[in-house]
Amino acid sequence: MLIPKILVTALVATATIAFIQPAFGDTTAQAVSPWLTNLDAAKAQAKSQNKPIYLLFTGTEWCPWCMKMEKEVYAKPAFWTSFQDKFVFVKIDIGRKQTDEQSHLMDAYGVMGVPTALILNADGQEVGRLGYPSGPMGDKKTALDIHSKELSDFLIRK
């Protein structure tokens, strides 16, 4: 008789934990996104850290090239390992309908399409522009390789 009581008690305890745990959220550590969404906050951070700003205009919900760039570049740990400490990252993710603020930013920087990545100084002035890597990618180069090279070249010239 003791074994069935222990078994029932264990099952009830397991069910209770499974029921209660989602209410308190996942307790495992979650990665913090390196992307800011506010350009003014990024400028302040860039000034205090003496870093350039990487400003990405994208449409991850509807733009096929943006989705491709997200998958082939920004989802790769190698990108963040190489550049997270060298730039302040800002993502302006434009939905199917742009907000007034997004339209203003696109107009201010002359952005005609997405994905477009701008390199800005800490004052918000454009010093470089990148898009989805185009042209032949021979020698097994990937979008990550090409984008990383362009960013590295920028840092060398800086």
N, C-alpha and C. Protein backbone atom coordinates (compact mmCIF):
# COMPACT_ATOMS: atom_id res chain seq x y z
N MET A 1 0.80 -1.20 0.00
CA MET A 1 0.00 0.00 0.00
C MET A 1 0.84 1.27 0.00
N LEU A 2 2.02 1.22 0.57
CA LEU A 2 2.88 2.39 0.67
C LEU A 2 3.37 2.84 -0.71
N ILE A 3 3.71 1.91 -1.61
CA ILE A 3 4.21 2.25 -2.94
C ILE A 3 3.16 3.01 -3.76
N PRO A 4 1.89 2.58 -3.81
CA PRO A 4 0.90 3.37 -4.55
C PRO A 4 0.73 4.78 -4.00
N LYS A 5 0.80 4.98 -2.67
CA LYS A 5 0.68 6.32 -2.09
C LYS A 5 1.86 7.20 -2.51
N ILE A 6 3.05 6.64 -2.50
CA ILE A 6 4.25 7.38 -2.92
C ILE A 6 4.13 7.75 -4.40
N LEU A 7 3.67 6.80 -5.21
CA LEU A 7 3.50 7.03 -6.65
C LEU A 7 2.47 8.14 -6.90
N VAL A 8 1.34 8.08 -6.21
CA VAL A 8 0.30 9.11 -6.37
C VAL A 8 0.84 10.47 -5.92
N THR A 9 1.55 10.51 -4.79
CA THR A 9 2.12 11.76 -4.30
C THR A 9 3.10 12.34 -5.31
N ALA A 10 3.94 11.50 -5.89
CA ALA A 10 4.92 11.96 -6.89
C ALA A 10 4.21 12.49 -8.12
N LEU A 11 3.17 11.81 -8.58
CA LEU A 11 2.43 12.27 -9.76
C LEU A 11 1.74 13.60 -9.49
N VAL A 12 1.14 13.75 -8.32
CA VAL A 12 0.48 15.01 -7.97
C VAL A 12 1.50 16.14 -7.89
N ALA A 13 2.65 15.90 -7.28
CA ALA A 13 3.70 16.92 -7.18
C ALA A 13 4.19 17.32 -8.56
N THR A 14 4.41 16.35 -9.44
CA THR A 14 4.88 16.63 -10.80
C THR A 14 3.84 17.45 -11.56
N ALA A 15 2.59 17.07 -11.45
CA ALA A 15 1.52 17.80 -12.14
C ALA A 15 1.40 19.22 -11.61
N THR A 16 1.55 19.40 -10.30
CA THR A 16 1.47 20.72 -9.70
C THR A 16 2.60 21.61 -10.20
N ILE A 17 3.82 21.09 -10.23
CA ILE A 17 4.96 21.85 -10.72
C ILE A 17 4.76 22.21 -12.18
N ALA A 18 4.30 21.26 -12.99
CA ALA A 18 4.08 21.51 -14.41
C ALA A 18 3.00 22.57 -14.61
N PHE A 19 2.01 22.61 -13.74
CA PHE A 19 0.92 23.58 -13.86
C PHE A 19 1.36 24.96 -13.39
N ILE A 20 2.11 25.04 -12.31
CA ILE A 20 2.51 26.31 -11.71
C ILE A 20 3.66 26.96 -12.46
N GLN A 21 4.63 26.20 -12.93
CA GLN A 21 5.85 26.74 -13.53
C GLN A 21 5.59 27.73 -14.66
N PRO A 22 4.66 27.47 -15.63
CA PRO A 22 4.44 28.46 -16.68
C PRO A 22 3.95 29.80 -16.15
N ALA A 23 3.26 29.82 -15.04
CA ALA A 23 2.77 31.08 -14.48
C ALA A 23 3.92 31.98 -14.04
N PHE A 24 5.03 31.38 -13.65
CA PHE A 24 6.18 32.15 -13.22
C PHE A 24 7.21 32.32 -14.33
N GLY A 25 6.95 31.77 -15.49
CA GLY A 25 7.86 31.92 -16.61
C GLY A 25 8.99 30.92 -16.57
N ASP A 26 9.68 30.87 -17.65
CA ASP A 26 10.82 29.97 -17.78
C ASP A 26 11.96 30.51 -16.94
N THR A 27 12.52 29.67 -16.13
CA THR A 27 13.59 30.11 -15.24
C THR A 27 14.98 29.94 -15.85
N THR A 28 15.06 29.38 -17.05
CA THR A 28 16.36 29.23 -17.68
C THR A 28 16.81 30.57 -18.22
N ALA A 29 18.11 30.75 -18.31
CA ALA A 29 18.66 32.01 -18.81
C ALA A 29 18.31 32.16 -20.28
N GLN A 30 17.91 33.37 -20.65
CA GLN A 30 17.59 33.65 -22.04
C GLN A 30 18.57 34.66 -22.58
N ALA A 31 18.93 34.49 -23.85
CA ALA A 31 19.86 35.41 -24.48
C ALA A 31 19.22 36.80 -24.61
N VAL A 32 20.00 37.81 -24.38
CA VAL A 32 19.54 39.18 -24.52
C VAL A 32 19.81 39.61 -25.95
N SER A 33 18.81 40.21 -26.58
CA SER A 33 18.98 40.67 -27.95
C SER A 33 19.98 41.81 -28.00
N PRO A 34 20.91 41.77 -28.95
CA PRO A 34 21.87 42.86 -29.08
C PRO A 34 21.25 44.09 -29.77
N TRP A 35 20.04 43.95 -30.31
CA TRP A 35 19.40 45.02 -31.08
C TRP A 35 18.69 46.02 -30.17
N LEU A 36 19.00 47.28 -30.35
CA LEU A 36 18.19 48.35 -29.78
C LEU A 36 17.13 48.70 -30.82
N THR A 37 16.09 49.38 -30.42
CA THR A 37 15.05 49.79 -31.37
C THR A 37 14.86 51.30 -31.38
N ASN A 38 15.64 52.01 -30.59
CA ASN A 38 15.52 53.45 -30.49
C ASN A 38 16.84 54.09 -30.90
N LEU A 39 16.82 54.87 -31.97
CA LEU A 39 18.05 55.47 -32.49
C LEU A 39 18.63 56.48 -31.52
N ASP A 40 17.80 57.26 -30.84
CA ASP A 40 18.33 58.24 -29.88
C ASP A 40 19.08 57.55 -28.74
N ALA A 41 18.53 56.43 -28.25
CA ALA A 41 19.21 55.67 -27.20
C ALA A 41 20.53 55.11 -27.73
N ALA A 42 20.52 54.68 -28.98
CA ALA A 42 21.75 54.14 -29.58
C ALA A 42 22.82 55.22 -29.73
N LYS A 43 22.41 56.43 -30.10
CA LYS A 43 23.38 57.54 -30.21
C LYS A 43 24.03 57.82 -28.86
N ALA A 44 23.22 57.85 -27.81
CA ALA A 44 23.77 58.09 -26.47
C ALA A 44 24.74 56.99 -26.08
N GLN A 45 24.36 55.74 -26.35
CA GLN A 45 25.24 54.62 -26.02
C GLN A 45 26.51 54.67 -26.87
N ALA A 46 26.38 54.98 -28.14
CA ALA A 46 27.54 55.06 -29.04
C ALA A 46 28.52 56.14 -28.58
N LYS A 47 27.99 57.27 -28.14
CA LYS A 47 28.86 58.34 -27.64
C LYS A 47 29.59 57.90 -26.38
N SER A 48 28.85 57.28 -25.47
CA SER A 48 29.48 56.89 -24.20
C SER A 48 30.48 55.75 -24.37
N GLN A 49 30.29 54.90 -25.41
CA GLN A 49 31.18 53.77 -25.63
C GLN A 49 32.16 54.01 -26.78
N ASN A 50 32.08 55.17 -27.41
CA ASN A 50 32.96 55.52 -28.53
C ASN A 50 32.91 54.45 -29.64
N LYS A 51 31.68 54.14 -30.07
CA LYS A 51 31.47 53.12 -31.10
C LYS A 51 30.61 53.69 -32.22
N PRO A 52 30.76 53.16 -33.43
CA PRO A 52 29.81 53.51 -34.48
C PRO A 52 28.50 52.76 -34.27
N ILE A 53 27.48 53.21 -34.99
CA ILE A 53 26.15 52.60 -34.93
C ILE A 53 25.91 51.80 -36.20
N TYR A 54 25.39 50.61 -36.04
CA TYR A 54 24.96 49.77 -37.16
C TYR A 54 23.43 49.84 -37.16
N LEU A 55 22.87 50.59 -38.11
CA LEU A 55 21.42 50.81 -38.17
C LEU A 55 20.84 49.98 -39.30
N LEU A 56 20.02 49.02 -38.95
CA LEU A 56 19.42 48.12 -39.94
C LEU A 56 17.95 48.46 -40.15
N PHE A 57 17.60 48.72 -41.40
CA PHE A 57 16.21 48.82 -41.81
C PHE A 57 15.84 47.49 -42.44
N THR A 58 14.83 46.84 -41.91
CA THR A 58 14.47 45.50 -42.37
C THR A 58 12.96 45.31 -42.31
N GLY A 59 12.51 44.24 -42.90
CA GLY A 59 11.10 43.86 -42.85
C GLY A 59 11.01 42.36 -42.68
N THR A 60 11.33 41.88 -41.49
CA THR A 60 11.47 40.44 -41.26
C THR A 60 10.17 39.67 -41.39
N GLU A 61 9.03 40.34 -41.40
CA GLU A 61 7.75 39.62 -41.52
C GLU A 61 7.30 39.45 -42.96
N TRP A 62 7.81 40.26 -43.88
CA TRP A 62 7.26 40.25 -45.23
C TRP A 62 8.30 40.32 -46.35
N CYS A 63 9.51 40.70 -46.08
CA CYS A 63 10.54 40.90 -47.11
C CYS A 63 11.41 39.65 -47.24
N PRO A 64 11.35 38.96 -48.39
CA PRO A 64 12.15 37.74 -48.57
C PRO A 64 13.65 37.97 -48.40
N TRP A 65 14.18 39.08 -48.92
CA TRP A 65 15.62 39.34 -48.79
C TRP A 65 16.00 39.65 -47.34
N CYS A 66 15.09 40.27 -46.61
CA CYS A 66 15.34 40.54 -45.18
C CYS A 66 15.37 39.24 -44.39
N MET A 67 14.43 38.35 -44.69
CA MET A 67 14.40 37.05 -44.02
C MET A 67 15.67 36.27 -44.32
N LYS A 68 16.11 36.35 -45.57
CA LYS A 68 17.34 35.66 -45.98
C LYS A 68 18.55 36.24 -45.23
N MET A 69 18.62 37.56 -45.15
CA MET A 69 19.72 38.21 -44.44
C MET A 69 19.69 37.84 -42.95
N GLU A 70 18.50 37.82 -42.38
CA GLU A 70 18.36 37.44 -40.96
C GLU A 70 18.91 36.03 -40.74
N LYS A 71 18.52 35.12 -41.62
CA LYS A 71 18.93 33.72 -41.49
C LYS A 71 20.42 33.52 -41.76
N GLU A 72 20.92 34.19 -42.79
CA GLU A 72 22.30 33.94 -43.24
C GLU A 72 23.35 34.79 -42.55
N VAL A 73 22.95 35.86 -41.90
CA VAL A 73 23.93 36.74 -41.25
C VAL A 73 23.63 36.90 -39.76
N TYR A 74 22.49 37.51 -39.44
CA TYR A 74 22.22 37.90 -38.05
C TYR A 74 21.91 36.73 -37.13
N ALA A 75 21.49 35.60 -37.68
CA ALA A 75 21.21 34.42 -36.84
C ALA A 75 22.48 33.61 -36.57
N LYS A 76 23.59 34.02 -37.13
CA LYS A 76 24.84 33.28 -36.98
C LYS A 76 25.66 33.79 -35.79
N PRO A 77 26.00 32.93 -34.87
CA PRO A 77 26.82 33.36 -33.73
C PRO A 77 28.15 33.99 -34.17
N ALA A 78 28.70 33.56 -35.29
CA ALA A 78 29.97 34.12 -35.76
C ALA A 78 29.87 35.62 -36.02
N PHE A 79 28.72 36.08 -36.50
CA PHE A 79 28.54 37.51 -36.73
C PHE A 79 28.64 38.26 -35.42
N TRP A 80 27.92 37.79 -34.41
CA TRP A 80 27.90 38.50 -33.13
C TRP A 80 29.23 38.38 -32.41
N THR A 81 29.89 37.24 -32.54
CA THR A 81 31.21 37.08 -31.93
C THR A 81 32.18 38.12 -32.49
N SER A 82 32.08 38.36 -33.79
CA SER A 82 33.00 39.29 -34.44
C SER A 82 32.67 40.76 -34.21
N PHE A 83 31.38 41.10 -34.12
CA PHE A 83 31.02 42.52 -34.18
C PHE A 83 30.22 43.08 -33.01
N GLN A 84 29.74 42.27 -32.11
CA GLN A 84 28.88 42.78 -31.04
C GLN A 84 29.57 43.85 -30.19
N ASP A 85 30.85 43.72 -29.98
CA ASP A 85 31.58 44.69 -29.15
C ASP A 85 32.11 45.88 -29.94
N LYS A 86 31.89 45.89 -31.25
CA LYS A 86 32.46 46.94 -32.09
C LYS A 86 31.44 47.97 -32.57
N PHE A 87 30.15 47.66 -32.45
CA PHE A 87 29.08 48.55 -32.90
C PHE A 87 27.97 48.59 -31.86
N VAL A 88 27.17 49.63 -31.93
CA VAL A 88 25.89 49.66 -31.23
C VAL A 88 24.86 49.32 -32.31
N PHE A 89 24.08 48.27 -32.10
CA PHE A 89 23.16 47.76 -33.12
C PHE A 89 21.74 48.25 -32.90
N VAL A 90 21.14 48.78 -33.98
CA VAL A 90 19.76 49.25 -33.95
C VAL A 90 19.01 48.59 -35.10
N LYS A 91 17.85 48.04 -34.79
CA LYS A 91 17.02 47.41 -35.83
C LYS A 91 15.70 48.16 -35.92
N ILE A 92 15.40 48.64 -37.12
CA ILE A 92 14.11 49.24 -37.42
C ILE A 92 13.38 48.21 -38.27
N ASP A 93 12.53 47.43 -37.64
CA ASP A 93 11.82 46.35 -38.32
C ASP A 93 10.46 46.87 -38.78
N ILE A 94 10.37 47.09 -40.05
CA ILE A 94 9.20 47.73 -40.64
C ILE A 94 8.15 46.67 -40.96
N GLY A 95 6.97 46.89 -40.43
CA GLY A 95 5.86 45.98 -40.74
C GLY A 95 5.30 46.28 -42.12
N ARG A 96 4.23 45.62 -42.45
CA ARG A 96 3.60 45.85 -43.76
C ARG A 96 3.15 47.30 -43.92
N LYS A 97 2.88 47.96 -42.81
CA LYS A 97 2.50 49.37 -42.85
C LYS A 97 3.50 50.12 -41.98
N GLN A 98 4.23 51.05 -42.58
CA GLN A 98 5.22 51.81 -41.84
C GLN A 98 4.56 52.78 -40.85
N THR A 99 5.23 52.94 -39.73
CA THR A 99 4.79 53.97 -38.79
C THR A 99 5.34 55.31 -39.28
N ASP A 100 4.81 56.40 -38.75
CA ASP A 100 5.30 57.73 -39.12
C ASP A 100 6.78 57.87 -38.77
N GLU A 101 7.17 57.34 -37.62
CA GLU A 101 8.58 57.43 -37.19
C GLU A 101 9.49 56.66 -38.15
N GLN A 102 9.05 55.47 -38.56
CA GLN A 102 9.85 54.68 -39.50
C GLN A 102 9.98 55.41 -40.84
N SER A 103 8.88 55.96 -41.32
CA SER A 103 8.91 56.71 -42.59
C SER A 103 9.85 57.90 -42.49
N HIS A 104 9.79 58.60 -41.36
CA HIS A 104 10.67 59.75 -41.16
C HIS A 104 12.14 59.33 -41.19
N LEU A 105 12.47 58.24 -40.48
CA LEU A 105 13.86 57.76 -40.46
C LEU A 105 14.32 57.33 -41.85
N MET A 106 13.46 56.61 -42.57
CA MET A 106 13.83 56.17 -43.93
C MET A 106 14.07 57.38 -44.83
N ASP A 107 13.20 58.38 -44.73
CA ASP A 107 13.38 59.60 -45.54
C ASP A 107 14.66 60.33 -45.15
N ALA A 108 14.90 60.46 -43.85
CA ALA A 108 16.07 61.20 -43.36
C ALA A 108 17.37 60.58 -43.85
N TYR A 109 17.39 59.25 -43.99
CA TYR A 109 18.61 58.57 -44.42
C TYR A 109 18.56 58.13 -45.88
N GLY A 110 17.51 58.49 -46.60
CA GLY A 110 17.43 58.15 -48.02
C GLY A 110 17.33 56.65 -48.27
N VAL A 111 16.67 55.95 -47.38
CA VAL A 111 16.51 54.50 -47.53
C VAL A 111 15.32 54.24 -48.44
N MET A 112 15.57 53.59 -49.57
CA MET A 112 14.54 53.34 -50.56
C MET A 112 13.99 51.92 -50.49
N GLY A 113 14.71 51.01 -49.86
CA GLY A 113 14.27 49.63 -49.77
C GLY A 113 14.97 48.91 -48.64
N VAL A 114 14.49 47.72 -48.36
CA VAL A 114 15.06 46.91 -47.29
C VAL A 114 15.50 45.56 -47.86
N PRO A 115 16.50 44.93 -47.30
CA PRO A 115 17.28 45.36 -46.15
C PRO A 115 18.33 46.40 -46.54
N THR A 116 18.48 47.37 -45.68
CA THR A 116 19.54 48.37 -45.82
C THR A 116 20.17 48.55 -44.45
N ALA A 117 21.48 48.44 -44.40
CA ALA A 117 22.22 48.66 -43.16
C ALA A 117 23.08 49.90 -43.35
N LEU A 118 23.00 50.79 -42.40
CA LEU A 118 23.81 52.01 -42.43
C LEU A 118 24.80 51.97 -41.28
N ILE A 119 25.96 52.48 -41.53
CA ILE A 119 26.94 52.68 -40.47
C ILE A 119 26.91 54.18 -40.18
N LEU A 120 26.65 54.51 -38.94
CA LEU A 120 26.55 55.91 -38.53
C LEU A 120 27.62 56.22 -37.49
N ASN A 121 28.04 57.48 -37.46
CA ASN A 121 28.88 57.87 -36.33
C ASN A 121 27.96 58.11 -35.13
N ALA A 122 28.54 58.42 -34.00
CA ALA A 122 27.74 58.56 -32.78
C ALA A 122 26.77 59.73 -32.83
N ASP A 123 26.97 60.66 -33.76
CA ASP A 123 26.05 61.78 -33.94
C ASP A 123 24.91 61.44 -34.88
N GLY A 124 24.95 60.23 -35.46
CA GLY A 124 23.88 59.82 -36.36
C GLY A 124 24.13 60.14 -37.82
N GLN A 125 25.34 60.57 -38.16
CA GLN A 125 25.67 60.87 -39.55
C GLN A 125 26.13 59.60 -40.26
N GLU A 126 25.61 59.38 -41.46
CA GLU A 126 25.96 58.19 -42.23
C GLU A 126 27.41 58.23 -42.69
N VAL A 127 28.11 57.12 -42.45
CA VAL A 127 29.50 56.99 -42.91
C VAL A 127 29.69 55.73 -43.76
N GLY A 128 28.63 54.92 -43.91
CA GLY A 128 28.71 53.72 -44.73
C GLY A 128 27.32 53.15 -44.95
N ARG A 129 27.18 52.34 -46.02
CA ARG A 129 25.88 51.76 -46.37
C ARG A 129 26.11 50.36 -46.93
N LEU A 130 25.29 49.42 -46.45
CA LEU A 130 25.36 48.04 -46.90
C LEU A 130 23.95 47.55 -47.19
N GLY A 131 23.86 46.57 -48.09
CA GLY A 131 22.58 45.91 -48.34
C GLY A 131 22.82 44.42 -48.31
N TYR A 132 21.90 43.66 -48.90
CA TYR A 132 22.14 42.23 -49.00
C TYR A 132 23.30 42.04 -49.95
N PRO A 133 24.30 41.22 -49.61
CA PRO A 133 25.45 41.01 -50.50
C PRO A 133 25.00 40.56 -51.88
N SER A 134 25.44 41.28 -52.89
CA SER A 134 25.05 40.94 -54.26
C SER A 134 26.28 40.58 -55.07
N GLY A 135 26.03 40.11 -56.27
CA GLY A 135 27.12 39.73 -57.15
C GLY A 135 27.55 38.30 -56.90
N PRO A 136 28.54 37.87 -57.66
CA PRO A 136 29.00 36.48 -57.52
C PRO A 136 29.64 36.26 -56.16
N MET A 137 29.29 35.13 -55.54
CA MET A 137 29.84 34.80 -54.23
C MET A 137 30.79 33.62 -54.34
N GLY A 138 31.40 33.40 -55.48
CA GLY A 138 32.26 32.25 -55.71
C GLY A 138 33.14 31.87 -54.52
N ASP A 139 33.90 30.83 -54.70
CA ASP A 139 34.81 30.32 -53.67
C ASP A 139 34.08 30.00 -52.37
N LYS A 140 32.83 29.58 -52.48
CA LYS A 140 32.03 29.16 -51.34
C LYS A 140 31.85 30.25 -50.30
N LYS A 141 31.93 31.51 -50.71
CA LYS A 141 31.67 32.61 -49.78
C LYS A 141 30.19 32.67 -49.50
N THR A 142 29.87 33.03 -48.30
CA THR A 142 28.48 33.15 -47.89
C THR A 142 28.13 34.62 -47.69
N ALA A 143 26.85 34.89 -47.52
CA ALA A 143 26.42 36.26 -47.21
C ALA A 143 27.10 36.73 -45.93
N LEU A 144 27.26 35.84 -44.97
CA LEU A 144 27.94 36.19 -43.72
C LEU A 144 29.39 36.59 -44.00
N ASP A 145 30.09 35.81 -44.84
CA ASP A 145 31.48 36.13 -45.17
C ASP A 145 31.60 37.52 -45.79
N ILE A 146 30.74 37.80 -46.75
CA ILE A 146 30.82 39.07 -47.47
C ILE A 146 30.45 40.24 -46.56
N HIS A 147 29.37 40.10 -45.81
CA HIS A 147 28.95 41.17 -44.90
C HIS A 147 30.01 41.41 -43.83
N SER A 148 30.56 40.35 -43.30
CA SER A 148 31.61 40.48 -42.28
C SER A 148 32.84 41.18 -42.86
N LYS A 149 33.20 40.86 -44.07
CA LYS A 149 34.35 41.51 -44.72
C LYS A 149 34.09 43.00 -44.89
N GLU A 150 32.89 43.35 -45.33
CA GLU A 150 32.56 44.76 -45.51
C GLU A 150 32.64 45.53 -44.18
N LEU A 151 32.14 44.92 -43.11
CA LEU A 151 32.20 45.57 -41.80
C LEU A 151 33.64 45.66 -41.29
N SER A 152 34.41 44.61 -41.50
CA SER A 152 35.82 44.63 -41.09
C SER A 152 36.58 45.71 -41.84
N ASP A 153 36.33 45.82 -43.15
CA ASP A 153 36.98 46.85 -43.95
C ASP A 153 36.63 48.24 -43.42
N PHE A 154 35.37 48.44 -43.05
CA PHE A 154 34.97 49.72 -42.48
C PHE A 154 35.75 50.01 -41.20
N LEU A 155 35.87 49.02 -40.33
CA LEU A 155 36.58 49.23 -39.06
C LEU A 155 38.06 49.55 -39.29
N ILE A 156 38.65 48.96 -40.31
CA ILE A 156 40.05 49.23 -40.62
C ILE A 156 40.21 50.68 -41.09
N ARG A 157 39.28 51.15 -41.93
CA ARG A 157 39.35 52.52 -42.45
C ARG A 157 39.05 53.57 -41.38
N LYS A 158 38.31 53.19 -40.37
CA LYS A 158 37.85 54.12 -39.32
C LYS A 158 38.96 54.81 -38.62
